[in-house]
C-alpha atoms as a PDB file:
ATOM      1  CA  UNK A   1      87.914  14.078  11.249  1.00  0.00           C
ATOM      2  CA  UNK A   2      86.633  13.604   7.693  1.00  0.00           C
ATOM      3  CA  UNK A   3      89.890  14.982   6.260  1.00  0.00           C
ATOM      4  CA  UNK A   4      91.835  12.456   8.369  1.00  0.00           C
ATOM      5  CA  UNK A   5      89.680   9.617   7.068  1.00  0.00           C
ATOM      6  CA  UNK A   6      90.218  10.703   3.465  1.00  0.00           C
ATOM      7  CA  UNK A   7      93.941  10.943   4.068  1.00  0.00           C
ATOM      8  CA  UNK A   8      93.858   7.428   5.537  1.00  0.00           C
ATOM      9  CA  UNK A   9      92.125   6.091   2.412  1.00  0.00           C
ATOM     10  CA  UNK A  10      94.815   7.674   0.236  1.00  0.00           C
ATOM     11  CA  UNK A  11      97.555   6.121   2.347  1.00  0.00           C
ATOM     12  CA  UNK A  12      95.811   2.741   2.076  1.00  0.00           C
ATOM     13  CA  UNK A  13      95.842   2.903  -1.707  1.00  0.00           C
ATOM     14  CA  UNK A  14      99.575   3.608  -1.848  1.00  0.00           C
ATOM     15  CA  UNK A  15     100.990   1.197   0.704  1.00  0.00           C
ATOM     16  CA  UNK A  16     101.386  -2.515   1.304  1.00  0.00           C
ATOM     17  CA  UNK A  17      99.632  -4.273   4.186  1.00  0.00           C
ATOM     18  CA  UNK A  18     102.815  -4.373   6.279  1.00  0.00           C
ATOM     19  CA  UNK A  19     103.567  -0.712   5.699  1.00  0.00           C
ATOM     20  CA  UNK A  20      99.928   0.144   6.409  1.00  0.00           C
ATOM     21  CA  UNK A  21      99.972  -1.619   9.787  1.00  0.00           C
ATOM     22  CA  UNK A  22     103.113   0.288  10.709  1.00  0.00           C
ATOM     23  CA  UNK A  23     101.390   3.578   9.869  1.00  0.00           C
ATOM     24  CA  UNK A  24      98.240   2.624  11.766  1.00  0.00           C
ATOM     25  CA  UNK A  25     100.308   1.818  14.874  1.00  0.00           C
ATOM     26  CA  UNK A  26     101.698   5.367  14.796  1.00  0.00           C
ATOM     27  CA  UNK A  27      98.327   7.130  14.423  1.00  0.00           C
ATOM     28  CA  UNK A  28      96.995   8.904  17.546  1.00  0.00           C
ATOM     29  CA  UNK A  29      94.190   6.899  19.126  1.00  0.00           C
ATOM     30  CA  UNK A  30      90.937   8.820  19.710  1.00  0.00           C
ATOM     31  CA  UNK A  31      89.233   6.831  22.424  1.00  0.00           C
ATOM     32  CA  UNK A  32      85.461   6.968  22.419  1.00  0.00           C
ATOM     33  CA  UNK A  33      85.046   8.462  18.953  1.00  0.00           C
ATOM     34  CA  UNK A  34      84.477   5.214  17.033  1.00  0.00           C
ATOM     35  CA  UNK A  35      80.830   4.976  16.014  1.00  0.00           C
ATOM     36  CA  UNK A  36      78.902   1.989  14.783  1.00  0.00           C
ATOM     37  CA  UNK A  37      76.692   2.171  11.708  1.00  0.00           C
ATOM     38  CA  UNK A  38      73.687   2.040  14.010  1.00  0.00           C
ATOM     39  CA  UNK A  39      75.025   4.973  16.062  1.00  0.00           C
ATOM     40  CA  UNK A  40      75.479   7.083  12.964  1.00  0.00           C
ATOM     41  CA  UNK A  41      71.947   6.395  11.750  1.00  0.00           C
ATOM     42  CA  UNK A  42      70.583   7.061  15.250  1.00  0.00           C
ATOM     43  CA  UNK A  43      72.425  10.379  15.397  1.00  0.00           C
ATOM     44  CA  UNK A  44      70.841  11.537  12.147  1.00  0.00           C
ATOM     45  CA  UNK A  45      67.438  10.442  13.400  1.00  0.00           C
ATOM     46  CA  UNK A  46      67.995  12.496  16.543  1.00  0.00           C
ATOM     47  CA  UNK A  47      68.892  15.555  14.482  1.00  0.00           C
ATOM     48  CA  UNK A  48      65.761  15.268  12.353  1.00  0.00           C
ATOM     49  CA  UNK A  49      63.571  14.544  15.372  1.00  0.00           C
ATOM     50  CA  UNK A  50      64.965  17.665  17.001  1.00  0.00           C
ATOM     51  CA  UNK A  51      64.175  19.747  13.936  1.00  0.00           C
ATOM     52  CA  UNK A  52      60.640  18.387  13.815  1.00  0.00           C
ATOM     53  CA  UNK A  53      60.029  18.864  17.522  1.00  0.00           C
ATOM     54  CA  UNK A  54      61.690  22.261  17.880  1.00  0.00           C
ATOM     55  CA  UNK A  55      60.858  23.968  14.600  1.00  0.00           C
ATOM     56  CA  UNK A  56      57.857  22.323  12.936  1.00  0.00           C
ATOM     57  CA  UNK A  57      55.848  22.468  16.162  1.00  0.00           C
ATOM     58  CA  UNK A  58      56.231  26.267  16.122  1.00  0.00           C
ATOM     59  CA  UNK A  59      54.360  26.417  12.833  1.00  0.00           C
ATOM     60  CA  UNK A  60      51.263  24.801  14.329  1.00  0.00           C
ATOM     61  CA  UNK A  61      50.800  27.625  16.827  1.00  0.00           C
ATOM     62  CA  UNK A  62      48.724  30.735  16.180  1.00  0.00           C
ATOM     63  CA  UNK A  63      50.779  33.074  13.986  1.00  0.00           C
ATOM     64  CA  UNK A  64      53.332  30.276  13.469  1.00  0.00           C
ATOM     65  CA  UNK A  65      53.307  31.166   9.772  1.00  0.00           C
ATOM     66  CA  UNK A  66      51.800  34.647   9.837  1.00  0.00           C
ATOM     67  CA  UNK A  67      54.436  36.229  12.103  1.00  0.00           C
ATOM     68  CA  UNK A  68      57.441  34.244  10.890  1.00  0.00           C
ATOM     69  CA  UNK A  69      59.015  36.105   7.986  1.00  0.00           C
ATOM     70  CA  UNK A  70      60.901  32.994   6.860  1.00  0.00           C
ATOM     71  CA  UNK A  71      57.686  31.143   6.037  1.00  0.00           C
ATOM     72  CA  UNK A  72      54.866  33.709   6.012  1.00  0.00           C
ATOM     73  CA  UNK A  73      52.532  32.924   3.130  1.00  0.00           C
ATOM     74  CA  UNK A  74      52.152  35.895   0.835  1.00  0.00           C
ATOM     75  CA  UNK A  75      49.662  36.239  -1.946  1.00  0.00           C
ATOM     76  CA  UNK A  76      50.194  34.457  -5.257  1.00  0.00           C
ATOM     77  CA  UNK A  77      51.148  36.778  -8.080  1.00  0.00           C
ATOM     78  CA  UNK A  78      47.637  36.643  -9.515  1.00  0.00           C
ATOM     79  CA  UNK A  79      46.179  37.958  -6.265  1.00  0.00           C
ATOM     80  CA  UNK A  80      48.771  40.628  -5.560  1.00  0.00           C
ATOM     81  CA  UNK A  81      46.876  42.913  -7.888  1.00  0.00           C
ATOM     82  CA  UNK A  82      43.701  42.074  -5.944  1.00  0.00           C
ATOM     83  CA  UNK A  83      45.429  43.154  -2.736  1.00  0.00           C
ATOM     84  CA  UNK A  84      46.670  46.372  -4.304  1.00  0.00           C
ATOM     85  CA  UNK A  85      43.316  47.103  -5.916  1.00  0.00           C
ATOM     86  CA  UNK A  86      41.467  46.707  -2.611  1.00  0.00           C
ATOM     87  CA  UNK A  87      43.958  48.882  -0.740  1.00  0.00           C
ATOM     88  CA  UNK A  88      43.700  51.528  -3.450  1.00  0.00           C
ATOM     89  CA  UNK A  89      39.989  51.887  -2.699  1.00  0.00           C
ATOM     90  CA  UNK A  90      40.437  51.910   1.090  1.00  0.00           C
ATOM     91  CA  UNK A  91      39.741  48.254   1.927  1.00  0.00           C
ATOM     92  CA  UNK A  92      43.025  47.661   3.776  1.00  0.00           C
ATOM     93  CA  UNK A  93      41.434  45.741   6.659  1.00  0.00           C
ATOM     94  CA  UNK A  94      39.731  43.326   4.295  1.00  0.00           C
ATOM     95  CA  UNK A  95      42.981  42.762   2.419  1.00  0.00           C
ATOM     96  CA  UNK A  96      44.875  42.141   5.683  1.00  0.00           C
ATOM     97  CA  UNK A  97      42.278  39.606   6.817  1.00  0.00           C
ATOM     98  CA  UNK A  98      42.510  37.791   3.501  1.00  0.00           C
ATOM     99  CA  UNK A  99      46.244  37.311   3.974  1.00  0.00           C
ATOM    100  CA  UNK A 100      45.879  36.183   7.567  1.00  0.00           C
ATOM    101  CA  UNK A 101      43.373  33.408   6.844  1.00  0.00           C
ATOM    102  CA  UNK A 102      45.733  31.841   4.288  1.00  0.00           C
ATOM    103  CA  UNK A 103      48.360  31.524   7.013  1.00  0.00           C
ATOM    104  CA  UNK A 104      45.834  30.213   9.534  1.00  0.00           C
ATOM    105  CA  UNK A 105      44.952  27.384   7.166  1.00  0.00           C
ATOM    106  CA  UNK A 106      48.623  26.426   6.864  1.00  0.00           C
ATOM    107  CA  UNK A 107      49.016  26.432  10.648  1.00  0.00           C
ATOM    108  CA  UNK A 108      46.116  23.985  10.883  1.00  0.00           C
ATOM    109  CA  UNK A 109      47.526  21.681   8.221  1.00  0.00           C
ATOM    110  CA  UNK A 110      51.013  21.343   9.687  1.00  0.00           C
ATOM    111  CA  UNK A 111      49.548  19.529  12.695  1.00  0.00           C
ATOM    112  CA  UNK A 112      49.186  16.564  10.334  1.00  0.00           C
ATOM    113  CA  UNK A 113      52.895  16.513   9.495  1.00  0.00           C
ATOM    114  CA  UNK A 114      54.534  15.065  12.594  1.00  0.00           C
ATOM    115  CA  UNK A 115      53.454  11.397  12.308  1.00  0.00           C
ATOM    116  CA  UNK A 116      54.456  11.335   8.641  1.00  0.00           C
ATOM    117  CA  UNK A 117      57.890  12.765   9.484  1.00  0.00           C
ATOM    118  CA  UNK A 118      58.349  10.336  12.362  1.00  0.00           C
ATOM    119  CA  UNK A 119      57.764   7.370  10.051  1.00  0.00           C
ATOM    120  CA  UNK A 120      60.233   8.728   7.499  1.00  0.00           C
ATOM    121  CA  UNK A 121      62.900   9.293  10.151  1.00  0.00           C
ATOM    122  CA  UNK A 122      62.529   5.733  11.447  1.00  0.00           C
ATOM    123  CA  UNK A 123      63.451   4.402   8.000  1.00  0.00           C
ATOM    124  CA  UNK A 124      66.885   6.067   7.832  1.00  0.00           C
ATOM    125  CA  UNK A 125      69.582   3.480   7.045  1.00  0.00           C
ATOM    126  CA  UNK A 126      73.329   3.681   7.567  1.00  0.00           C
ATOM    127  CA  UNK A 127      73.844   4.490   3.870  1.00  0.00           C
ATOM    128  CA  UNK A 128      71.261   7.267   4.131  1.00  0.00           C
ATOM    129  CA  UNK A 129      73.001   8.578   7.234  1.00  0.00           C
ATOM    130  CA  UNK A 130      76.425   8.502   5.596  1.00  0.00           C
ATOM    131  CA  UNK A 131      75.198  10.413   2.542  1.00  0.00           C
ATOM    132  CA  UNK A 132      73.395  12.944   4.718  1.00  0.00           C
ATOM    133  CA  UNK A 133      76.319  13.468   7.071  1.00  0.00           C
ATOM    134  CA  UNK A 134      78.799  14.090   4.281  1.00  0.00           C
ATOM    135  CA  UNK A 135      76.334  16.120   2.219  1.00  0.00           C
ATOM    136  CA  UNK A 136      75.367  19.775   2.123  1.00  0.00           C
ATOM    137  CA  UNK A 137      74.071  21.823   5.053  1.00  0.00           C
ATOM    138  CA  UNK A 138      70.501  20.796   4.177  1.00  0.00           C
ATOM    139  CA  UNK A 139      71.122  17.195   3.098  1.00  0.00           C
ATOM    140  CA  UNK A 140      68.943  15.789   5.891  1.00  0.00           C
ATOM    141  CA  UNK A 141      66.133  18.154   4.940  1.00  0.00           C
ATOM    142  CA  UNK A 142      66.448  17.086   1.303  1.00  0.00           C
ATOM    143  CA  UNK A 143      66.213  13.460   2.390  1.00  0.00           C
ATOM    144  CA  UNK A 144      63.078  14.178   4.394  1.00  0.00           C
ATOM    145  CA  UNK A 145      61.590  16.116   1.487  1.00  0.00           C
ATOM    146  CA  UNK A 146      62.133  13.226  -0.914  1.00  0.00           C
ATOM    147  CA  UNK A 147      60.514  10.783   1.503  1.00  0.00           C
ATOM    148  CA  UNK A 148      57.513  12.833   2.625  1.00  0.00           C
ATOM    149  CA  UNK A 149      56.577  15.521   0.088  1.00  0.00           C
ATOM    150  CA  UNK A 150      53.933  13.595  -1.844  1.00  0.00           C
ATOM    151  CA  UNK A 151      52.321  12.106   1.257  1.00  0.00           C
ATOM    152  CA  UNK A 152      52.312  15.472   3.038  1.00  0.00           C
ATOM    153  CA  UNK A 153      50.771  17.236   0.053  1.00  0.00           C
ATOM    154  CA  UNK A 154      47.950  14.693  -0.049  1.00  0.00           C
ATOM    155  CA  UNK A 155      47.476  15.050   3.702  1.00  0.00           C
ATOM    156  CA  UNK A 156      47.706  18.846   3.797  1.00  0.00           C
ATOM    157  CA  UNK A 157      45.379  19.677   0.923  1.00  0.00           C
ATOM    158  CA  UNK A 158      42.064  18.430   2.388  1.00  0.00           C
ATOM    159  CA  UNK A 159      42.984  19.889   5.793  1.00  0.00           C
ATOM    160  CA  UNK A 160      43.640  23.281   4.232  1.00  0.00           C
ATOM    161  CA  UNK A 161      40.430  23.050   2.256  1.00  0.00           C
ATOM    162  CA  UNK A 162      38.491  22.272   5.458  1.00  0.00           C
ATOM    163  CA  UNK A 163      40.393  24.952   7.334  1.00  0.00           C
ATOM    164  CA  UNK A 164      39.392  27.528   4.754  1.00  0.00           C
ATOM    165  CA  UNK A 165      35.786  26.748   5.647  1.00  0.00           C
ATOM    166  CA  UNK A 166      36.488  26.685   9.392  1.00  0.00           C
ATOM    167  CA  UNK A 167      38.231  30.070   9.530  1.00  0.00           C
ATOM    168  CA  UNK A 168      35.992  31.548   6.877  1.00  0.00           C
ATOM    169  CA  UNK A 169      38.750  31.912   4.315  1.00  0.00           C
ATOM    170  CA  UNK A 170      36.583  30.637   1.490  1.00  0.00           C
ATOM    171  CA  UNK A 171      33.976  33.315   2.174  1.00  0.00           C
ATOM    172  CA  UNK A 172      36.538  36.037   2.803  1.00  0.00           C
ATOM    173  CA  UNK A 173      38.349  35.345  -0.439  1.00  0.00           C
ATOM    174  CA  UNK A 174      35.145  34.939  -2.407  1.00  0.00           C
ATOM    175  CA  UNK A 175      34.192  38.391  -1.119  1.00  0.00           C
ATOM    176  CA  UNK A 176      37.632  39.817  -1.891  1.00  0.00           C
ATOM    177  CA  UNK A 177      37.714  38.420  -5.407  1.00  0.00           C
ATOM    178  CA  UNK A 178      34.152  39.478  -6.144  1.00  0.00           C
ATOM    179  CA  UNK A 179      34.911  43.021  -4.997  1.00  0.00           C
ATOM    180  CA  UNK A 180      38.070  43.110  -7.090  1.00  0.00           C
ATOM    181  CA  UNK A 181      36.366  41.660 -10.166  1.00  0.00           C
ATOM    182  CA  UNK A 182      33.712  44.369  -9.824  1.00  0.00           C
ATOM    183  CA  UNK A 183      36.314  47.141 -10.073  1.00  0.00           C
ATOM    184  CA  UNK A 184      36.051  48.697 -13.559  1.00  0.00           C
ATOM    185  CA  UNK A 185      38.774  47.939 -16.102  1.00  0.00           C
ATOM    186  CA  UNK A 186      40.234  44.936 -14.205  1.00  0.00           C
ATOM    187  CA  UNK A 187      40.597  41.380 -15.494  1.00  0.00           C
ATOM    188  CA  UNK A 188      38.691  38.774 -13.491  1.00  0.00           C
ATOM    189  CA  UNK A 189      40.723  36.340 -11.369  1.00  0.00           C
ATOM    190  CA  UNK A 190      39.825  32.938  -9.936  1.00  0.00           C
ATOM    191  CA  UNK A 191      42.950  31.240  -8.484  1.00  0.00           C
ATOM    192  CA  UNK A 192      43.174  27.788  -6.867  1.00  0.00           C
ATOM    193  CA  UNK A 193      44.010  28.982  -3.362  1.00  0.00           C
ATOM    194  CA  UNK A 194      43.905  25.508  -1.791  1.00  0.00           C
ATOM    195  CA  UNK A 195      46.676  24.212  -4.048  1.00  0.00           C
ATOM    196  CA  UNK A 196      48.719  27.387  -3.602  1.00  0.00           C
ATOM    197  CA  UNK A 197      48.545  27.402   0.212  1.00  0.00           C
ATOM    198  CA  UNK A 198      49.272  23.660   0.341  1.00  0.00           C
ATOM    199  CA  UNK A 199      52.483  24.196  -1.621  1.00  0.00           C
ATOM    200  CA  UNK A 200      53.502  27.168   0.510  1.00  0.00           C
ATOM    201  CA  UNK A 201      52.807  25.266   3.736  1.00  0.00           C
ATOM    202  CA  UNK A 202      55.101  22.459   2.576  1.00  0.00           C
ATOM    203  CA  UNK A 203      57.855  24.956   1.758  1.00  0.00           C
ATOM    204  CA  UNK A 204      57.474  26.437   5.222  1.00  0.00           C
ATOM    205  CA  UNK A 205      57.809  23.079   6.951  1.00  0.00           C
ATOM    206  CA  UNK A 206      60.995  22.131   5.102  1.00  0.00           C
ATOM    207  CA  UNK A 207      62.439  25.625   5.562  1.00  0.00           C
ATOM    208  CA  UNK A 208      62.174  25.350   9.337  1.00  0.00           C
ATOM    209  CA  UNK A 209      63.680  21.855   9.415  1.00  0.00           C
ATOM    210  CA  UNK A 210      66.596  23.161   7.349  1.00  0.00           C
ATOM    211  CA  UNK A 211      67.093  25.967   9.879  1.00  0.00           C
ATOM    212  CA  UNK A 212      67.563  23.467  12.689  1.00  0.00           C
ATOM    213  CA  UNK A 213      69.761  21.179  10.594  1.00  0.00           C
ATOM    214  CA  UNK A 214      72.134  24.025   9.782  1.00  0.00           C
ATOM    215  CA  UNK A 215      72.286  24.973  13.459  1.00  0.00           C
ATOM    216  CA  UNK A 216      73.304  21.437  14.414  1.00  0.00           C
ATOM    217  CA  UNK A 217      75.855  21.195  11.627  1.00  0.00           C
ATOM    218  CA  UNK A 218      77.524  24.534  12.275  1.00  0.00           C
ATOM    219  CA  UNK A 219      77.157  25.115  16.031  1.00  0.00           C
ATOM    220  CA  UNK A 220      78.504  22.616  18.530  1.00  0.00           C
ATOM    221  CA  UNK A 221      76.278  24.209  21.199  1.00  0.00           C
ATOM    222  CA  UNK A 222      73.207  23.051  19.241  1.00  0.00           C
ATOM    223  CA  UNK A 223      74.283  19.414  19.509  1.00  0.00           C
ATOM    224  CA  UNK A 224      72.405  18.760  22.700  1.00  0.00           C
ATOM    225  CA  UNK A 225      73.170  15.062  23.219  1.00  0.00           C
ATOM    226  CA  UNK A 226      76.391  13.044  23.355  1.00  0.00           C
ATOM    227  CA  UNK A 227      75.351  11.121  20.259  1.00  0.00           C
ATOM    228  CA  UNK A 228      74.737  14.303  18.244  1.00  0.00           C
ATOM    229  CA  UNK A 229      78.132  15.646  19.287  1.00  0.00           C
ATOM    230  CA  UNK A 230      79.903  12.427  18.298  1.00  0.00           C
ATOM    231  CA  UNK A 231      78.117  11.964  14.979  1.00  0.00           C
ATOM    232  CA  UNK A 232      78.400  15.529  13.738  1.00  0.00           C
ATOM    233  CA  UNK A 233      82.025  15.776  14.831  1.00  0.00           C
ATOM    234  CA  UNK A 234      82.694  13.464  11.882  1.00  0.00           C
ATOM    235  CA  UNK A 235      81.684  16.219   9.419  1.00  0.00           C
ATOM    236  CA  UNK A 236      83.514  19.080  11.169  1.00  0.00           C
END
C-alpha cells in the first residue's frame, strides 16, 4: 500500500490535473481501506496499549525479570568480580540471592509504569502516528521512550530504593560487598545499585514493548482488531 501511495505522489508531480483525474478514474478502488487521521492515531494507540498490557504486565510478576533472558538484570561490571570472588570461596548461594533481589526490585518498580504509559499514549497525534507507522520496526517504542523515560526514571528510582529495603536487598548486598572487600588483595567496591537497577528496569520495559511492536508490524496474526489490521496494512 505504501509503495502505491508513493507511486501516486510521483504521478501527481508529473501530470496535469486533467491527466491526473483520468489516471485516478482507472485506479482499482479498495473499498473500506480509507482511514481518517483519527483512525490512524487510534490504531497506533491500540498497538502501544497492547504492548503495555501484554508485555509490560509480565514484568511485574514474580520472576518477570529474573526468568526472562531478554531483560534479566545482571550484575554491573564492577560487581561481576564480587560475584566471581564469592563463588570462588564457595558462597554460590549468597551470590545467587544477590542477583535475584536486584530483579525483584525491578519487578516492583514496573508496577508504577502503566499510568505513565497510558498518559503518553493518549497524546499521540496524527503526525506522530504517521511518523511511527512509516518508521522502523521499533518506532513506536522510540516514541514512547522519548515521552516517558525521564518521568519513569524519577518514578522508578524511589520505588527500587524502597524495594531494596523491603526484599532485603540493601542488607544482602551490604553483606556481599563487605565479604568481598574483606578478601585479601581485592580492591574495595561501593557501586550505586539503585541507579543501576533503575536504568536496567527501564531498558527491560522498553525491550518488551519493542517485542510486541515488532510482532504487530511483521505478523498479521498479531493484529487482533480490525483497526490494527487496517492501520498496519498501510506499512506492509
